PDB file of N, CA and C in Angstrom:
ATOM      1  N   MET A   1     -61.668 -17.411  11.239  1.00  0.00           N
ATOM      2  CA  MET A   1     -60.862 -16.905  12.333  1.00  0.00           C
ATOM      3  C   MET A   1     -61.478 -16.102  12.791  1.00  0.00           C
ATOM      4  N   TRP A   2     -61.176 -15.579  14.131  1.00  0.00           N
ATOM      5  CA  TRP A   2     -61.261 -14.736  15.106  1.00  0.00           C
ATOM      6  C   TRP A   2     -60.298 -14.009  15.622  1.00  0.00           C
ATOM      7  N   GLU A   3     -60.096 -12.768  16.191  1.00  0.00           N
ATOM      8  CA  GLU A   3     -59.214 -12.296  16.773  1.00  0.00           C
ATOM      9  C   GLU A   3     -59.355 -11.591  18.012  1.00  0.00           C
ATOM     10  N   ARG A   4     -58.553 -11.189  18.964  1.00  0.00           N
ATOM     11  CA  ARG A   4     -58.872 -10.975  20.199  1.00  0.00           C
ATOM     12  C   ARG A   4     -57.801 -10.519  21.037  1.00  0.00           C
ATOM     13  N   ILE A   5     -57.755  -9.210  21.603  1.00  0.00           N
ATOM     14  CA  ILE A   5     -56.644  -9.155  22.726  1.00  0.00           C
ATOM     15  C   ILE A   5     -56.767  -9.809  24.024  1.00  0.00           C
ATOM     16  N   ARG A   6     -55.720 -10.016  24.375  1.00  0.00           N
ATOM     17  CA  ARG A   6     -55.849 -10.629  25.877  1.00  0.00           C
ATOM     18  C   ARG A   6     -54.600 -10.384  26.561  1.00  0.00           C
ATOM     19  N   ASP A   7     -55.114 -10.830  27.966  1.00  0.00           N
ATOM     20  CA  ASP A   7     -53.735 -10.539  29.057  1.00  0.00           C
ATOM     21  C   ASP A   7     -53.184 -11.773  29.106  1.00  0.00           C
ATOM     22  N   ILE A   8     -51.821 -11.992  28.662  1.00  0.00           N
ATOM     23  CA  ILE A   8     -50.710 -12.964  28.554  1.00  0.00           C
ATOM     24  C   ILE A   8     -49.430 -13.353  29.750  1.00  0.00           C
ATOM     25  N   GLU A   9     -49.408 -14.392  29.977  1.00  0.00           N
ATOM     26  CA  GLU A   9     -47.573 -14.118  30.676  1.00  0.00           C
ATOM     27  C   GLU A   9     -46.812 -14.984  29.938  1.00  0.00           C
ATOM     28  N   VAL A  10     -45.627 -14.161  29.663  1.00  0.00           N
ATOM     29  CA  VAL A  10     -44.972 -15.280  29.028  1.00  0.00           C
ATOM     30  C   VAL A  10     -43.525 -15.993  30.319  1.00  0.00           C
ATOM     31  N   ILE A  11     -43.448 -17.327  30.424  1.00  0.00           N
ATOM     32  CA  ILE A  11     -42.589 -17.635  31.530  1.00  0.00           C
ATOM     33  C   ILE A  11     -41.075 -18.054  31.372  1.00  0.00           C
ATOM     34  N   GLY A  12     -40.629 -17.566  31.446  1.00  0.00           N
ATOM     35  CA  GLY A  12     -38.685 -18.400  31.550  1.00  0.00           C
ATOM     36  C   GLY A  12     -38.159 -18.234  32.398  1.00  0.00           C
ATOM     37  N   SER A  13     -37.093 -18.774  32.502  1.00  0.00           N
ATOM     38  CA  SER A  13     -36.458 -19.398  33.984  1.00  0.00           C
ATOM     39  C   SER A  13     -35.959 -18.080  34.684  1.00  0.00           C
ATOM     40  N   LYS A  14     -35.591 -16.879  34.257  1.00  0.00           N
ATOM     41  CA  LYS A  14     -35.691 -15.659  34.814  1.00  0.00           C
ATOM     42  C   LYS A  14     -36.721 -14.732  35.356  1.00  0.00           C
ATOM     43  N   GLY A  15     -37.867 -15.460  35.084  1.00  0.00           N
ATOM     44  CA  GLY A  15     -38.895 -14.610  35.394  1.00  0.00           C
ATOM     45  C   GLY A  15     -40.468 -14.371  34.412  1.00  0.00           C
ATOM     46  N   VAL A  16     -41.025 -13.669  34.831  1.00  0.00           N
ATOM     47  CA  VAL A  16     -42.799 -13.672  33.988  1.00  0.00           C
ATOM     48  C   VAL A  16     -42.614 -12.468  33.219  1.00  0.00           C
ATOM     49  N   GLY A  17     -43.096 -12.325  32.039  1.00  0.00           N
ATOM     50  CA  GLY A  17     -43.382 -11.168  31.354  1.00  0.00           C
ATOM     51  C   GLY A  17     -44.685 -11.292  31.281  1.00  0.00           C
ATOM     52  N   ARG A  18     -45.200 -10.400  32.059  1.00  0.00           N
ATOM     53  CA  ARG A  18     -46.971  -9.942  31.357  1.00  0.00           C
ATOM     54  C   ARG A  18     -47.065  -8.965  30.055  1.00  0.00           C
ATOM     55  N   PHE A  19     -48.050  -9.766  29.148  1.00  0.00           N
ATOM     56  CA  PHE A  19     -48.417  -8.804  27.923  1.00  0.00           C
ATOM     57  C   PHE A  19     -49.502  -8.442  27.377  1.00  0.00           C
ATOM     58  N   ARG A  20     -50.353  -7.638  26.875  1.00  0.00           N
ATOM     59  CA  ARG A  20     -51.532  -7.501  26.043  1.00  0.00           C
ATOM     60  C   ARG A  20     -51.192  -8.536  24.284  1.00  0.00           C
ATOM     61  N   ALA A  21     -51.671  -9.305  24.172  1.00  0.00           N
ATOM     62  CA  ALA A  21     -51.611 -10.196  22.892  1.00  0.00           C
ATOM     63  C   ALA A  21     -52.634 -10.209  22.165  1.00  0.00           C
ATOM     64  N   SER A  22     -52.618  -9.895  20.795  1.00  0.00           N
ATOM     65  CA  SER A  22     -53.731 -10.371  19.742  1.00  0.00           C
ATOM     66  C   SER A  22     -53.556 -12.070  19.672  1.00  0.00           C
ATOM     67  N   MET A  23     -54.969 -12.915  19.700  1.00  0.00           N
ATOM     68  CA  MET A  23     -54.825 -14.081  19.668  1.00  0.00           C
ATOM     69  C   MET A  23     -55.677 -14.301  18.792  1.00  0.00           C
ATOM     70  N   ASP A  24     -55.403 -15.220  17.804  1.00  0.00           N
ATOM     71  CA  ASP A  24     -56.107 -15.581  16.352  1.00  0.00           C
ATOM     72  C   ASP A  24     -55.937 -16.694  15.896  1.00  0.00           C
ATOM     73  N   THR A  25     -57.369 -17.387  16.072  1.00  0.00           N
ATOM     74  CA  THR A  25     -57.329 -18.936  15.677  1.00  0.00           C
ATOM     75  C   THR A  25     -56.861 -19.556  14.214  1.00  0.00           C
ATOM     76  N   GLY A  26     -56.441 -18.682  13.451  1.00  0.00           N
ATOM     77  CA  GLY A  26     -55.833 -19.025  11.993  1.00  0.00           C
ATOM     78  C   GLY A  26     -54.208 -19.283  11.932  1.00  0.00           C
ATOM     79  N   VAL A  27     -53.868 -18.623  12.974  1.00  0.00           N
ATOM     80  CA  VAL A  27     -52.290 -18.536  13.112  1.00  0.00           C
ATOM     81  C   VAL A  27     -51.580 -19.802  13.450  1.00  0.00           C
ATOM     82  N   THR A  28     -50.297 -20.377  13.118  1.00  0.00           N
ATOM     83  CA  THR A  28     -49.590 -21.552  13.040  1.00  0.00           C
ATOM     84  C   THR A  28     -48.720 -21.575  14.137  1.00  0.00           C
ATOM     85  N   TYR A  29     -48.241 -20.570  14.593  1.00  0.00           N
ATOM     86  CA  TYR A  29     -46.978 -20.585  15.346  1.00  0.00           C
ATOM     87  C   TYR A  29     -47.231 -18.909  16.360  1.00  0.00           C
ATOM     88  N   THR A  30     -46.872 -19.392  17.851  1.00  0.00           N
ATOM     89  CA  THR A  30     -46.979 -18.069  18.385  1.00  0.00           C
ATOM     90  C   THR A  30     -45.892 -17.497  18.453  1.00  0.00           C
ATOM     91  N   VAL A  31     -45.729 -16.385  18.029  1.00  0.00           N
ATOM     92  CA  VAL A  31     -44.564 -15.486  18.271  1.00  0.00           C
ATOM     93  C   VAL A  31     -43.941 -14.645  19.368  1.00  0.00           C
ATOM     94  N   VAL A  32     -42.582 -14.809  19.712  1.00  0.00           N
ATOM     95  CA  VAL A  32     -42.185 -13.932  21.263  1.00  0.00           C
ATOM     96  C   VAL A  32     -40.815 -13.072  20.529  1.00  0.00           C
ATOM     97  N   PRO A  33     -41.040 -11.925  20.794  1.00  0.00           N
ATOM     98  CA  PRO A  33     -40.046 -10.853  20.416  1.00  0.00           C
ATOM     99  C   PRO A  33     -38.800 -11.506  21.006  1.00  0.00           C
ATOM    100  N   ARG A  34     -37.827 -11.064  20.111  1.00  0.00           N
ATOM    101  CA  ARG A  34     -36.280 -11.716  20.762  1.00  0.00           C
ATOM    102  C   ARG A  34     -36.024 -10.970  21.920  1.00  0.00           C
ATOM    103  N   LYS A  35     -36.663  -9.671  22.275  1.00  0.00           N
ATOM    104  CA  LYS A  35     -35.967  -8.966  23.223  1.00  0.00           C
ATOM    105  C   LYS A  35     -36.397  -9.409  24.894  1.00  0.00           C
ATOM    106  N   VAL A  36     -37.530  -9.911  24.568  1.00  0.00           N
ATOM    107  CA  VAL A  36     -38.489 -10.581  25.800  1.00  0.00           C
ATOM    108  C   VAL A  36     -38.099 -12.157  25.799  1.00  0.00           C
ATOM    109  N   ALA A  37     -37.907 -12.987  24.792  1.00  0.00           N
ATOM    110  CA  ALA A  37     -36.812 -14.156  25.102  1.00  0.00           C
ATOM    111  C   ALA A  37     -35.492 -13.825  26.015  1.00  0.00           C
ATOM    112  N   LYS A  38     -34.609 -13.096  25.545  1.00  0.00           N
ATOM    113  CA  LYS A  38     -33.604 -12.735  25.827  1.00  0.00           C
ATOM    114  C   LYS A  38     -33.693 -12.480  27.444  1.00  0.00           C
ATOM    115  N   GLU A  39     -34.848 -11.537  27.580  1.00  0.00           N
ATOM    116  CA  GLU A  39     -34.899 -10.862  29.027  1.00  0.00           C
ATOM    117  C   GLU A  39     -35.436 -12.209  30.292  1.00  0.00           C
ATOM    118  N   LEU A  40     -35.835 -12.879  29.679  1.00  0.00           N
ATOM    119  CA  LEU A  40     -36.624 -13.961  30.632  1.00  0.00           C
ATOM    120  C   LEU A  40     -35.782 -15.327  30.394  1.00  0.00           C
ATOM    121  N   SER A  41     -34.740 -15.431  29.576  1.00  0.00           N
ATOM    122  CA  SER A  41     -34.105 -16.577  29.263  1.00  0.00           C
ATOM    123  C   SER A  41     -34.909 -17.792  29.058  1.00  0.00           C
ATOM    124  N   ILE A  42     -35.887 -17.955  28.286  1.00  0.00           N
ATOM    125  CA  ILE A  42     -36.513 -18.410  27.283  1.00  0.00           C
ATOM    126  C   ILE A  42     -35.638 -19.891  26.580  1.00  0.00           C
ATOM    127  N   ALA A  43     -36.040 -20.886  26.762  1.00  0.00           N
ATOM    128  CA  ALA A  43     -35.214 -22.284  26.185  1.00  0.00           C
ATOM    129  C   ALA A  43     -34.245 -21.514  24.877  1.00  0.00           C
ATOM    130  N   GLY A  44     -33.371 -22.489  24.652  1.00  0.00           N
ATOM    131  CA  GLY A  44     -32.278 -22.616  23.687  1.00  0.00           C
ATOM    132  C   GLY A  44     -33.162 -23.039  22.200  1.00  0.00           C
ATOM    133  N   ILE A  45     -32.503 -22.484  21.514  1.00  0.00           N
ATOM    134  CA  ILE A  45     -33.052 -22.614  20.309  1.00  0.00           C
ATOM    135  C   ILE A  45     -33.108 -24.217  19.653  1.00  0.00           C
ATOM    136  N   VAL A  46     -34.020 -24.470  19.613  1.00  0.00           N
ATOM    137  CA  VAL A  46     -34.638 -26.098  18.891  1.00  0.00           C
ATOM    138  C   VAL A  46     -33.933 -26.018  17.639  1.00  0.00           C
ATOM    139  N   ARG A  47     -34.689 -25.079  16.554  1.00  0.00           N
ATOM    140  CA  ARG A  47     -34.409 -25.414  15.469  1.00  0.00           C
ATOM    141  C   ARG A  47     -34.650 -23.927  14.548  1.00  0.00           C
ATOM    142  N   HIS A  48     -34.095 -23.760  13.492  1.00  0.00           N
ATOM    143  CA  HIS A  48     -34.390 -22.629  12.475  1.00  0.00           C
ATOM    144  C   HIS A  48     -35.695 -22.694  11.706  1.00  0.00           C
ATOM    145  N   VAL A  49     -36.103 -22.061  11.311  1.00  0.00           N
ATOM    146  CA  VAL A  49     -37.704 -22.528  10.046  1.00  0.00           C
ATOM    147  C   VAL A  49     -37.767 -21.257   9.326  1.00  0.00           C
ATOM    148  N   ARG A  50     -37.889 -21.804   8.225  1.00  0.00           N
ATOM    149  CA  ARG A  50     -37.858 -20.623   7.213  1.00  0.00           C
ATOM    150  C   ARG A  50     -39.454 -20.448   6.940  1.00  0.00           C
ATOM    151  N   ILE A  51     -40.184 -19.141   6.908  1.00  0.00           N
ATOM    152  CA  ILE A  51     -41.454 -18.888   6.962  1.00  0.00           C
ATOM    153  C   ILE A  51     -41.488 -17.338   5.650  1.00  0.00           C
ATOM    154  N   MET A  52     -42.780 -17.806   5.377  1.00  0.00           N
ATOM    155  CA  MET A  52     -43.365 -16.184   4.489  1.00  0.00           C
ATOM    156  C   MET A  52     -44.006 -15.584   5.279  1.00  0.00           C
ATOM    157  N   MET A  53     -43.754 -14.188   5.393  1.00  0.00           N
ATOM    158  CA  MET A  53     -44.213 -13.199   6.228  1.00  0.00           C
ATOM    159  C   MET A  53     -45.216 -12.314   5.120  1.00  0.00           C
ATOM    160  N   VAL A  54     -45.658 -11.243   5.060  1.00  0.00           N
ATOM    161  CA  VAL A  54     -46.071 -10.143   4.424  1.00  0.00           C
ATOM    162  C   VAL A  54     -44.756  -9.134   3.612  1.00  0.00           C
ATOM    163  N   ARG A  55     -43.816  -9.311   4.202  1.00  0.00           N
ATOM    164  CA  ARG A  55     -42.151  -8.767   3.442  1.00  0.00           C
ATOM    165  C   ARG A  55     -41.676  -9.645   2.978  1.00  0.00           C
ATOM    166  N   GLY A  56     -41.768 -10.982   2.884  1.00  0.00           N
ATOM    167  CA  GLY A  56     -40.859 -12.065   2.097  1.00  0.00           C
ATOM    168  C   GLY A  56     -40.639 -12.739   2.833  1.00  0.00           C
ATOM    169  N   GLU A  57     -39.822 -13.796   2.493  1.00  0.00           N
ATOM    170  CA  GLU A  57     -39.303 -14.904   3.413  1.00  0.00           C
ATOM    171  C   GLU A  57     -38.344 -14.537   4.321  1.00  0.00           C
ATOM    172  N   THR A  58     -38.380 -15.241   5.515  1.00  0.00           N
ATOM    173  CA  THR A  58     -37.455 -15.104   6.874  1.00  0.00           C
ATOM    174  C   THR A  58     -37.187 -16.627   7.255  1.00  0.00           C
ATOM    175  N   ILE A  59     -36.068 -16.179   8.071  1.00  0.00           N
ATOM    176  CA  ILE A  59     -36.026 -17.418   9.042  1.00  0.00           C
ATOM    177  C   ILE A  59     -35.563 -16.897  10.345  1.00  0.00           C
ATOM    178  N   LEU A  60     -36.305 -18.130  10.999  1.00  0.00           N
ATOM    179  CA  LEU A  60     -36.901 -16.978  12.610  1.00  0.00           C
ATOM    180  C   LEU A  60     -36.341 -18.290  13.666  1.00  0.00           C
ATOM    181  N   GLU A  61     -36.128 -18.697  15.030  1.00  0.00           N
ATOM    182  CA  GLU A  61     -35.751 -19.362  15.799  1.00  0.00           C
ATOM    183  C   GLU A  61     -37.101 -19.858  16.324  1.00  0.00           C
ATOM    184  N   GLU A  62     -36.793 -21.342  16.481  1.00  0.00           N
ATOM    185  CA  GLU A  62     -37.758 -22.129  17.049  1.00  0.00           C
ATOM    186  C   GLU A  62     -37.521 -22.664  18.341  1.00  0.00           C
ATOM    187  N   ASP A  63     -38.415 -22.374  19.258  1.00  0.00           N
ATOM    188  CA  ASP A  63     -38.126 -22.440  20.648  1.00  0.00           C
ATOM    189  C   ASP A  63     -39.437 -22.912  21.654  1.00  0.00           C
ATOM    190  N   VAL A  64     -39.167 -23.185  22.498  1.00  0.00           N
ATOM    191  CA  VAL A  64     -39.988 -23.838  23.435  1.00  0.00           C
ATOM    192  C   VAL A  64     -40.575 -22.814  24.704  1.00  0.00           C
ATOM    193  N   VAL A  65     -41.585 -22.494  24.917  1.00  0.00           N
ATOM    194  CA  VAL A  65     -41.816 -21.617  26.111  1.00  0.00           C
ATOM    195  C   VAL A  65     -43.348 -21.745  26.371  1.00  0.00           C
ATOM    196  N   VAL A  66     -43.355 -21.295  27.940  1.00  0.00           N
ATOM    197  CA  VAL A  66     -44.496 -21.736  28.265  1.00  0.00           C
ATOM    198  C   VAL A  66     -45.484 -20.284  28.438  1.00  0.00           C
ATOM    199  N   ILE A  67     -46.791 -20.082  28.394  1.00  0.00           N
ATOM    200  CA  ILE A  67     -47.641 -19.260  28.030  1.00  0.00           C
ATOM    201  C   ILE A  67     -48.386 -19.322  29.490  1.00  0.00           C
ATOM    202  N   GLY A  68     -48.781 -18.140  29.825  1.00  0.00           N
ATOM    203  CA  GLY A  68     -50.071 -18.482  31.004  1.00  0.00           C
ATOM    204  C   GLY A  68     -51.004 -17.628  30.488  1.00  0.00           C
ATOM    205  N   LEU A  69     -52.213 -18.235  30.271  1.00  0.00           N
ATOM    206  CA  LEU A  69     -53.478 -17.905  29.664  1.00  0.00           C
ATOM    207  C   LEU A  69     -54.792 -17.906  30.650  1.00  0.00           C
ATOM    208  N   MET A  70     -55.528 -16.993  30.891  1.00  0.00           N
ATOM    209  CA  MET A  70     -56.782 -17.554  31.616  1.00  0.00           C
ATOM    210  C   MET A  70     -56.730 -18.902  32.772  1.00  0.00           C
ATOM    211  N   ASP A  71     -55.413 -18.465  33.525  1.00  0.00           N
ATOM    212  CA  ASP A  71     -55.570 -19.105  35.018  1.00  0.00           C
ATOM    213  C   ASP A  71     -54.951 -20.249  34.607  1.00  0.00           C
ATOM    214  N   GLU A  72     -54.383 -20.804  33.536  1.00  0.00           N
ATOM    215  CA  GLU A  72     -53.423 -21.848  32.791  1.00  0.00           C
ATOM    216  C   GLU A  72     -52.230 -21.851  32.281  1.00  0.00           C
ATOM    217  N   GLU A  73     -51.368 -22.603  32.196  1.00  0.00           N
ATOM    218  CA  GLU A  73     -49.930 -22.612  31.426  1.00  0.00           C
ATOM    219  C   GLU A  73     -50.254 -23.445  30.832  1.00  0.00           C
ATOM    220  N   ARG A  74     -49.378 -23.576  29.730  1.00  0.00           N
ATOM    221  CA  ARG A  74     -49.260 -24.542  28.425  1.00  0.00           C
ATOM    222  C   ARG A  74     -47.843 -24.364  28.181  1.00  0.00           C
ATOM    223  N   THR A  75     -46.957 -25.301  27.786  1.00  0.00           N
ATOM    224  CA  THR A  75     -45.987 -25.136  26.792  1.00  0.00           C
ATOM    225  C   THR A  75     -46.568 -25.459  25.461  1.00  0.00           C
ATOM    226  N   ASN A  76     -45.845 -24.141  24.920  1.00  0.00           N
ATOM    227  CA  ASN A  76     -46.113 -24.176  23.266  1.00  0.00           C
ATOM    228  C   ASN A  76     -44.283 -24.130  22.259  1.00  0.00           C
ATOM    229  N   VAL A  77     -44.952 -24.384  21.435  1.00  0.00           N
ATOM    230  CA  VAL A  77     -43.635 -24.000  20.514  1.00  0.00           C
ATOM    231  C   VAL A  77     -43.744 -22.419  19.788  1.00  0.00           C
ATOM    232  N   ALA A  78     -42.921 -22.299  20.022  1.00  0.00           N
ATOM    233  CA  ALA A  78     -42.768 -20.325  19.305  1.00  0.00           C
ATOM    234  C   ALA A  78     -42.277 -20.053  18.623  1.00  0.00           C
ATOM    235  N   LEU A  79     -42.357 -19.345  17.868  1.00  0.00           N
ATOM    236  CA  LEU A  79     -41.241 -18.640  17.185  1.00  0.00           C
ATOM    237  C   LEU A  79     -40.280 -17.660  17.551  1.00  0.00           C
ATOM    238  N   VAL A  80     -38.991 -16.839  17.602  1.00  0.00           N
ATOM    239  CA  VAL A  80     -38.294 -16.075  18.050  1.00  0.00           C
ATOM    240  C   VAL A  80     -37.763 -15.219  17.112  1.00  0.00           C
ATOM    241  N   GLY A  81     -38.063 -13.686  17.024  1.00  0.00           N
ATOM    242  CA  GLY A  81     -37.608 -13.034  16.232  1.00  0.00           C
ATOM    243  C   GLY A  81     -38.073 -11.250  16.212  1.00  0.00           C
ATOM    244  N   ASP A  82     -37.091 -10.763  15.367  1.00  0.00           N
ATOM    245  CA  ASP A  82     -37.382  -9.457  15.972  1.00  0.00           C
ATOM    246  C   ASP A  82     -38.747  -8.524  15.483  1.00  0.00           C
TER     247      ASP A  82
END
């Protein structure tokens, strides 16, 4: 696994958010903060997903997001949470 900080865009129907994000080849999901998802009006909840985190089990919302990275845009499944 490797981790690297990259400039990314999260694209929603209300605009584009530009962020510095940690990229890690070992992760299963992209995680988007709930505040960002709400501000950009990212797609509605697809389903709820139960995951294990360092602090224990939690349930997050699974949504579809468009991520812009290195001059390309891709549709990804992401988890939205606080």
